[in-house]
Amino acid sequence: MNILLTSVGRRTYLVNYFKEALADCGLEGSVHVSNSSSMTPAFKFADHSVVSPLIYAAEYIPFLTSYCKQNNIDILIPLFDVDLPVLAKNTSKFDAVGTKVIVSSESVIDICNDKLATYDFLISEDFCTPFTMNSIIATKKALNTNKIEFPLIIKPRWGMGSIGIFEANNMEELEVLYDKTLLEIKGSYLKYEAFQDLSNSVIIQEKIDGQEYGLDIINDLSGKYITTIVKKKHAMRSGETDCAEIVKDNSLELLGKHLGESLKHIGNLDVDIFIKEGKSYILEMNARFGGGYPFSHVAGVNLPKAILHWYVDKNIPIESLLTPKYGVLAHKDISMVVL
C-alpha cells in the first residue's frame, strides 16, 4: 500500500506515524510526500518526496493525479487547509487513477474553512460559539444594542494559524486593525480562498476568556462517528497547541459526538473550544489532522493505523487503537533537520 501526504511541510511526525502504521498492519508499501518547496523538513523522513506546483496552480491536480498513477498511490491525505477544498472538488479524478482521497465532502470543507459558515452551522445545530459579524457596520449595531462589548477579536474569514488575528479594545482600534487584517489576507496565501468574497473576508468575534480545550473528533471513512479525544491545553504557539494533557471529560465527549454526527466529516476533525462559566464555546473546526493530533497519538490513539484498517476493510479493534491513556501530559520540542 502506498500513501501520499500532500502539503506535508514540517509534519515529520505524521510521516513516521504512517510508516509505523504500514509496518504494524503488515502491509508492504511506502509513504510519499509532496510540498511546493524542496526546503521541506518532512522530505528527509519519507520514503519518497516530490516538489509539487502551488495548490491553486492549474497544473496542481493534473500533476498529483499523474504522480498517483505512476506511483500506484492507494491513499492520498491532505494536511493543509488550503489543500482541502481543491482536493475535495477533484476526488473523482483521483478515483479514476485508483487513488482514494481521505477528505470530507466539499460542503463540509466549506463549513470548516469559512468561519462565517462555521458560525451559521454551529448556531443552526444549537452549539455555543462566539457571536460573529462580518462588517464594522454590523459590529457597531451589536455594540449599540449591548449584544457584545470590547475587547473584540478580528480575524480572516478564511484563515489559519495566527495570520491576521488582532484584538481591538475600542472603535478606533477596530477600524485600523480591520484594515490591517484585510491587508495581511491580500499579502498571504489566504488570498486564494478570500478572493471569492474579498469585501467580506474579515470577521469580528466576541472574545471568550476561559480554559481552552482541543478535540480530536474521529469519524470513519464513511462519515460515521467513532469517538472523541479531549485535550486540555496548557500552552499555544503561533496558533497551534504546544503543550496539552489528555483528559476524561464526559460533557466534551458528548459535544464531540453531537458535532461528529451532525457534520459527518471524514477522518479527524480538529476542534478548538473555550469553557466559560460552564458553557463550551466552539471557536474553530479543521477537517484534517490538526496540530494537536500528536498529543492524542502519544497517549495511545493511532488514527493512521485505523485509517489503513478501514481502507482495507478489516475489523478494527476500537479499544486498542482509538482509546487514549488519560493524564498523559506532553510538550512539543524543537529539533533541527539538515536539508
Protein backbone atom coordinates (compact mmCIF):
# COMPACT_ATOMS: atom_id res chain seq x y z
CA MET A 1 0.00 0.00 0.00
CA ASN A 2 1.35 3.41 -0.96
CA ILE A 3 0.33 6.61 0.81
CA LEU A 4 0.78 10.23 -0.32
CA LEU A 5 0.70 13.08 2.22
CA THR A 6 0.29 16.44 0.46
CA SER A 7 1.40 19.84 1.78
CA VAL A 8 3.50 17.92 4.28
CA GLY A 9 5.65 20.82 5.49
CA ARG A 10 7.12 20.11 8.94
CA ARG A 11 4.76 17.28 9.82
CA THR A 12 7.53 14.73 10.12
CA TYR A 13 5.65 13.05 12.94
CA LEU A 14 2.79 12.12 10.59
CA VAL A 15 5.24 10.67 8.09
CA ASN A 16 6.64 8.47 10.85
CA TYR A 17 3.17 7.58 12.17
CA PHE A 18 2.10 6.30 8.75
CA LYS A 19 5.35 4.42 8.16
CA GLU A 20 4.88 2.72 11.52
CA ALA A 21 1.22 2.00 10.74
CA LEU A 22 2.14 0.26 7.49
CA ALA A 23 4.63 -1.93 9.32
CA ASP A 24 2.24 -2.69 12.21
CA CYS A 25 -0.50 -3.71 9.77
CA GLY A 26 1.89 -5.99 7.90
CA LEU A 27 1.39 -4.01 4.70
CA GLU A 28 4.14 -3.56 2.14
CA GLY A 29 4.36 -0.09 0.74
CA SER A 30 5.81 3.40 1.02
CA VAL A 31 4.97 6.81 2.38
CA HIS A 32 5.27 9.52 -0.27
CA VAL A 33 5.08 13.24 0.50
CA SER A 34 4.67 16.40 -1.54
CA ASN A 35 5.14 20.10 -0.93
CA SER A 36 5.55 23.19 -3.11
CA SER A 37 9.09 23.78 -1.81
CA SER A 38 12.09 21.47 -1.72
CA MET A 39 13.12 23.09 1.58
CA THR A 40 10.71 20.86 3.47
CA PRO A 41 11.87 19.03 6.64
CA ALA A 42 9.46 16.10 6.19
CA PHE A 43 11.14 15.21 2.88
CA LYS A 44 14.03 13.79 4.91
CA PHE A 45 11.79 11.25 6.66
CA ALA A 46 9.56 9.99 3.83
CA ASP A 47 10.31 7.05 1.56
CA HIS A 48 9.74 9.26 -1.49
CA SER A 49 9.24 13.01 -1.91
CA VAL A 50 8.26 15.32 -4.75
CA VAL A 51 8.00 19.08 -5.23
CA SER A 52 4.52 19.91 -6.49
CA PRO A 53 3.07 23.01 -8.20
CA LEU A 54 1.34 25.54 -5.95
CA ILE A 55 -2.09 24.38 -4.78
CA TYR A 56 -4.04 26.94 -6.81
CA ALA A 57 -1.96 26.47 -9.97
CA ALA A 58 -3.85 25.00 -12.94
CA GLU A 59 -1.37 22.13 -13.15
CA TYR A 60 -1.66 21.09 -9.47
CA ILE A 61 -4.38 18.44 -9.85
CA PRO A 62 -3.03 17.03 -13.15
CA PHE A 63 0.42 16.80 -11.53
CA LEU A 64 -0.90 14.93 -8.48
CA THR A 65 -3.15 12.54 -10.41
CA SER A 66 -0.23 11.73 -12.73
CA TYR A 67 2.05 11.15 -9.75
CA CYS A 68 -0.53 8.91 -8.09
CA LYS A 69 -0.99 6.85 -11.24
CA GLN A 70 2.76 6.45 -11.85
CA ASN A 71 3.48 5.50 -8.24
CA ASN A 72 0.40 3.36 -7.53
CA ILE A 73 -0.78 5.59 -4.70
CA ASP A 74 -3.67 3.96 -2.83
CA ILE A 75 -4.43 6.72 -0.33
CA LEU A 76 -3.88 10.48 -0.52
CA ILE A 77 -4.21 12.54 2.67
CA PRO A 78 -4.09 16.37 2.53
CA LEU A 79 -2.61 18.13 5.57
CA PHE A 80 -3.24 21.83 4.85
CA ASP A 81 -6.48 23.83 4.97
CA VAL A 82 -5.87 25.45 1.58
CA ASP A 83 -5.43 21.99 0.04
CA LEU A 84 -8.74 20.63 1.31
CA PRO A 85 -11.29 22.40 -0.95
CA VAL A 86 -9.17 21.84 -4.06
CA LEU A 87 -8.83 18.10 -3.44
CA ALA A 88 -12.43 17.68 -2.22
CA LYS A 89 -13.60 19.15 -5.53
CA ASN A 90 -11.48 16.72 -7.56
CA THR A 91 -11.85 13.36 -5.79
CA SER A 92 -13.38 11.76 -8.90
CA LYS A 93 -10.18 12.46 -10.87
CA PHE A 94 -8.19 10.55 -8.26
CA ASP A 95 -10.75 7.75 -8.19
CA ALA A 96 -10.15 7.38 -11.93
CA VAL A 97 -6.47 6.55 -11.31
CA GLY A 98 -7.18 4.26 -8.35
CA THR A 99 -6.39 6.69 -5.52
CA LYS A 100 -8.76 7.35 -2.61
CA VAL A 101 -8.51 10.88 -1.22
CA ILE A 102 -9.19 10.91 2.53
CA VAL A 103 -11.06 14.20 2.63
CA SER A 104 -14.53 15.33 3.68
CA SER A 105 -17.15 16.47 1.18
CA GLU A 106 -16.99 19.93 -0.39
CA SER A 107 -19.89 21.09 1.78
CA VAL A 108 -18.13 20.02 4.99
CA ILE A 109 -14.87 21.68 3.92
CA ASP A 110 -16.76 24.88 3.12
CA ILE A 111 -18.31 24.89 6.60
CA CYS A 112 -14.96 24.37 8.32
CA ASN A 113 -12.77 26.67 6.22
CA ASP A 114 -15.24 29.56 6.09
CA LYS A 115 -15.52 30.86 9.67
CA LEU A 116 -18.76 32.68 8.90
CA ALA A 117 -20.23 29.42 7.60
CA THR A 118 -18.85 27.72 10.73
CA TYR A 119 -20.76 30.21 12.87
CA ASP A 120 -24.01 29.73 10.92
CA PHE A 121 -23.69 25.93 11.10
CA LEU A 122 -22.98 25.88 14.84
CA ILE A 123 -25.90 28.20 15.60
CA SER A 124 -28.24 26.08 13.46
CA GLU A 125 -27.17 22.97 15.42
CA ASP A 126 -27.61 24.69 18.82
CA PHE A 127 -23.92 24.78 19.75
CA CYS A 128 -22.44 27.66 21.73
CA THR A 129 -19.99 29.77 19.74
CA PRO A 130 -18.70 33.37 19.94
CA PHE A 131 -21.04 35.96 18.43
CA THR A 132 -19.66 36.64 14.95
CA MET A 133 -20.10 39.54 12.50
CA ASN A 134 -18.69 40.20 9.04
CA SER A 135 -18.67 44.01 8.93
CA ILE A 136 -17.89 47.05 11.04
CA ILE A 137 -21.45 48.27 10.48
CA ALA A 138 -22.90 45.07 11.99
CA THR A 139 -20.42 45.31 14.84
CA LYS A 140 -21.40 48.90 15.69
CA LYS A 141 -25.05 47.83 15.75
CA ALA A 142 -24.27 44.92 18.07
CA LEU A 143 -22.27 47.23 20.35
CA ASN A 144 -25.09 49.77 20.47
CA THR A 145 -27.63 47.08 21.40
CA ASN A 146 -25.28 45.56 24.04
CA LYS A 147 -25.05 42.20 22.29
CA ILE A 148 -21.28 42.42 22.54
CA GLU A 149 -18.63 44.57 24.18
CA PHE A 150 -14.93 45.25 23.78
CA PRO A 151 -12.43 43.65 23.52
CA LEU A 152 -13.23 42.05 20.18
CA ILE A 153 -11.23 39.64 18.02
CA ILE A 154 -10.59 40.45 14.35
CA LYS A 155 -9.51 37.61 12.07
CA PRO A 156 -9.62 36.37 8.47
CA ARG A 157 -12.86 34.67 7.47
CA TRP A 158 -10.79 32.07 5.61
CA GLY A 159 -7.77 31.81 7.84
CA MET A 160 -5.42 29.50 9.68
CA GLY A 161 -2.69 29.72 12.28
CA SER A 162 -2.21 33.20 13.69
CA ILE A 163 -2.15 35.15 10.42
CA GLY A 164 -4.07 38.43 10.60
CA ILE A 165 -5.56 37.93 14.07
CA PHE A 166 -5.80 41.02 16.28
CA GLU A 167 -7.59 42.20 19.41
CA ALA A 168 -9.36 45.58 19.43
CA ASN A 169 -10.18 47.40 22.67
CA ASN A 170 -12.08 50.34 21.19
CA MET A 171 -13.68 51.52 17.95
CA GLU A 172 -10.57 53.31 16.70
CA GLU A 173 -8.51 50.13 17.06
CA LEU A 174 -11.27 48.08 15.48
CA GLU A 175 -11.29 50.16 12.29
CA VAL A 176 -7.49 50.26 11.97
CA LEU A 177 -7.00 46.54 12.71
CA TYR A 178 -9.85 45.55 10.40
CA ASP A 179 -7.97 47.19 7.52
CA LYS A 180 -4.69 45.63 8.68
CA THR A 181 -6.24 42.15 8.66
CA LEU A 182 -7.52 42.74 5.13
CA LEU A 183 -4.02 43.77 4.02
CA GLU A 184 -2.49 40.65 5.58
CA ILE A 185 -5.04 38.49 3.75
CA LYS A 186 -4.15 40.12 0.42
CA GLY A 187 -0.45 39.62 1.08
CA SER A 188 -0.56 35.93 2.06
CA TYR A 189 -1.81 32.59 0.74
CA LEU A 190 -5.12 33.33 2.49
CA LYS A 191 -5.99 35.47 -0.54
CA TYR A 192 -6.82 32.39 -2.65
CA GLU A 193 -9.95 31.45 -0.73
CA ALA A 194 -10.70 35.03 0.31
CA PHE A 195 -10.90 36.31 -3.27
CA GLN A 196 -14.26 34.57 -3.67
CA ASP A 197 -15.66 37.34 -1.44
CA LEU A 198 -12.79 39.71 -0.61
CA SER A 199 -15.01 42.56 0.62
CA ASN A 200 -16.40 40.21 3.27
CA SER A 201 -13.19 38.32 4.06
CA VAL A 202 -12.73 39.68 7.60
CA ILE A 203 -14.85 38.70 10.59
CA ILE A 204 -15.21 40.18 14.07
CA GLN A 205 -15.95 37.99 17.09
CA GLU A 206 -16.66 38.50 20.75
CA LYS A 207 -13.68 37.48 22.86
CA ILE A 208 -14.19 34.41 25.03
CA ASP A 209 -11.88 34.06 28.04
CA GLY A 210 -11.62 30.66 29.69
CA GLN A 211 -9.82 27.33 29.74
CA GLU A 212 -9.05 26.16 26.22
CA TYR A 213 -9.50 22.56 25.09
CA GLY A 214 -8.86 20.75 21.84
CA LEU A 215 -10.90 17.86 20.50
CA ASP A 216 -9.97 15.18 18.00
CA ILE A 217 -13.39 14.06 16.78
CA ILE A 218 -12.90 10.85 14.80
CA ASN A 219 -15.28 9.53 12.16
CA ASP A 220 -14.63 6.55 9.91
CA LEU A 221 -14.20 6.76 6.13
CA SER A 222 -17.98 6.73 5.60
CA GLY A 223 -18.53 9.64 8.00
CA LYS A 224 -19.82 7.50 10.88
CA TYR A 225 -18.95 8.88 14.31
CA ILE A 226 -16.43 6.78 16.26
CA THR A 227 -15.00 8.69 19.25
CA THR A 228 -13.76 11.99 20.72
CA ILE A 229 -10.37 12.63 22.34
CA VAL A 230 -10.23 15.60 24.75
CA LYS A 231 -7.06 17.63 25.31
CA LYS A 232 -6.67 20.32 27.96
CA LYS A 233 -4.39 22.97 26.51
CA HIS A 234 -1.62 24.44 28.64
CA ALA A 235 0.33 26.45 26.04
CA MET A 236 -0.06 27.69 22.47
CA ARG A 237 2.47 28.82 19.85
CA SER A 238 1.61 30.51 16.53
CA GLY A 239 -1.95 29.23 16.65
CA GLU A 240 -1.01 25.59 17.38
CA THR A 241 -1.13 23.61 20.61
CA ASP A 242 2.31 23.49 22.21
CA CYS A 243 1.52 21.71 25.48
CA ALA A 244 -1.57 19.67 26.37
CA GLU A 245 -2.90 16.92 28.61
CA ILE A 246 -5.27 14.11 27.63
CA VAL A 247 -8.27 14.24 29.98
CA LYS A 248 -11.55 12.45 30.53
CA ASP A 249 -14.49 14.84 30.13
CA ASN A 250 -17.92 13.32 29.53
CA SER A 251 -19.59 16.60 28.56
CA LEU A 252 -16.98 17.44 25.92
CA GLU A 253 -17.07 13.87 24.61
CA LEU A 254 -20.85 14.18 24.19
CA LEU A 255 -20.35 17.52 22.44
CA GLY A 256 -17.88 15.82 20.10
CA LYS A 257 -20.36 13.05 19.39
CA HIS A 258 -23.09 15.58 18.56
CA LEU A 259 -20.72 17.52 16.30
CA GLY A 260 -19.34 14.44 14.54
CA GLU A 261 -22.82 13.06 13.88
CA SER A 262 -24.09 16.45 12.68
CA LEU A 263 -21.18 17.30 10.38
CA LYS A 264 -20.43 13.77 9.10
CA HIS A 265 -16.83 14.63 8.30
CA ILE A 266 -14.25 12.05 7.22
CA GLY A 267 -11.36 11.05 9.50
CA ASN A 268 -10.23 13.64 12.02
CA LEU A 269 -11.94 16.90 12.95
CA ASP A 270 -9.67 19.21 14.95
CA VAL A 271 -11.82 21.48 17.16
CA ASP A 272 -10.89 24.39 19.45
CA ILE A 273 -13.11 25.03 22.47
CA PHE A 274 -13.19 27.51 25.35
CA ILE A 275 -15.01 26.76 28.60
CA LYS A 276 -16.53 29.90 30.18
CA GLU A 277 -18.93 29.86 33.11
CA GLY A 278 -19.78 26.23 32.48
CA LYS A 279 -20.52 26.72 28.76
CA SER A 280 -18.48 25.14 25.96
CA TYR A 281 -17.86 27.63 23.13
CA ILE A 282 -16.68 26.15 19.84
CA LEU A 283 -14.17 28.50 18.21
CA GLU A 284 -12.94 26.73 15.10
CA MET A 285 -13.07 23.41 13.26
CA ASN A 286 -10.41 21.97 10.95
CA ALA A 287 -11.37 18.93 8.87
CA ARG A 288 -7.91 17.33 8.88
CA PHE A 289 -5.10 16.13 11.12
CA GLY A 290 -4.58 19.19 13.30
CA GLY A 291 -1.53 20.41 15.14
CA GLY A 292 -2.95 18.90 18.31
CA TYR A 293 -3.22 15.35 16.99
CA PRO A 294 0.29 14.28 18.19
CA PHE A 295 -0.91 14.69 21.80
CA SER A 296 -3.59 12.09 21.15
CA HIS A 297 -1.12 9.83 19.38
CA VAL A 298 1.48 9.79 22.17
CA ALA A 299 -1.35 8.89 24.54
CA GLY A 300 -2.09 5.70 22.60
CA VAL A 301 -4.51 6.81 19.87
CA ASN A 302 -3.48 5.58 16.41
CA LEU A 303 -5.68 7.13 13.74
CA PRO A 304 -3.21 6.43 10.88
CA LYS A 305 -3.42 2.71 11.66
CA ALA A 306 -7.21 2.92 11.95
CA ILE A 307 -7.40 4.58 8.52
CA LEU A 308 -5.40 1.74 6.99
CA HIS A 309 -7.69 -0.83 8.62
CA TRP A 310 -10.79 0.97 7.36
CA TYR A 311 -9.33 1.23 3.86
CA VAL A 312 -8.60 -2.49 3.56
CA ASP A 313 -12.00 -3.26 5.15
CA LYS A 314 -10.67 -5.07 8.19
CA ASN A 315 -12.46 -5.17 11.53
CA ILE A 316 -10.83 -2.50 13.63
CA PRO A 317 -10.26 -3.03 17.37
CA ILE A 318 -11.51 0.37 18.52
CA GLU A 319 -10.48 -0.18 22.13
CA SER A 320 -6.83 -0.72 21.30
CA LEU A 321 -6.42 1.87 18.54
CA LEU A 322 -8.62 4.84 19.40
CA THR A 323 -8.79 4.86 23.21
CA PRO A 324 -6.27 7.17 24.91
CA LYS A 325 -4.45 6.88 28.21
CA TYR A 326 -5.74 9.70 30.38
CA GLY A 327 -3.40 12.01 32.25
CA VAL A 328 -0.68 11.97 29.59
CA LEU A 329 0.91 15.45 29.54
CA ALA A 330 3.13 16.28 26.58
CA HIS A 331 5.01 19.26 25.16
CA LYS A 332 6.26 19.82 21.61
CA ASP A 333 10.00 20.15 21.21
CA ILE A 334 12.17 21.80 18.56
CA SER A 335 14.66 19.72 16.62
CA MET A 336 16.94 20.55 13.71
CA VAL A 337 16.74 18.88 10.30
CA VAL A 338 19.64 19.18 7.86
CA LEU A 339 18.00 19.54 4.44
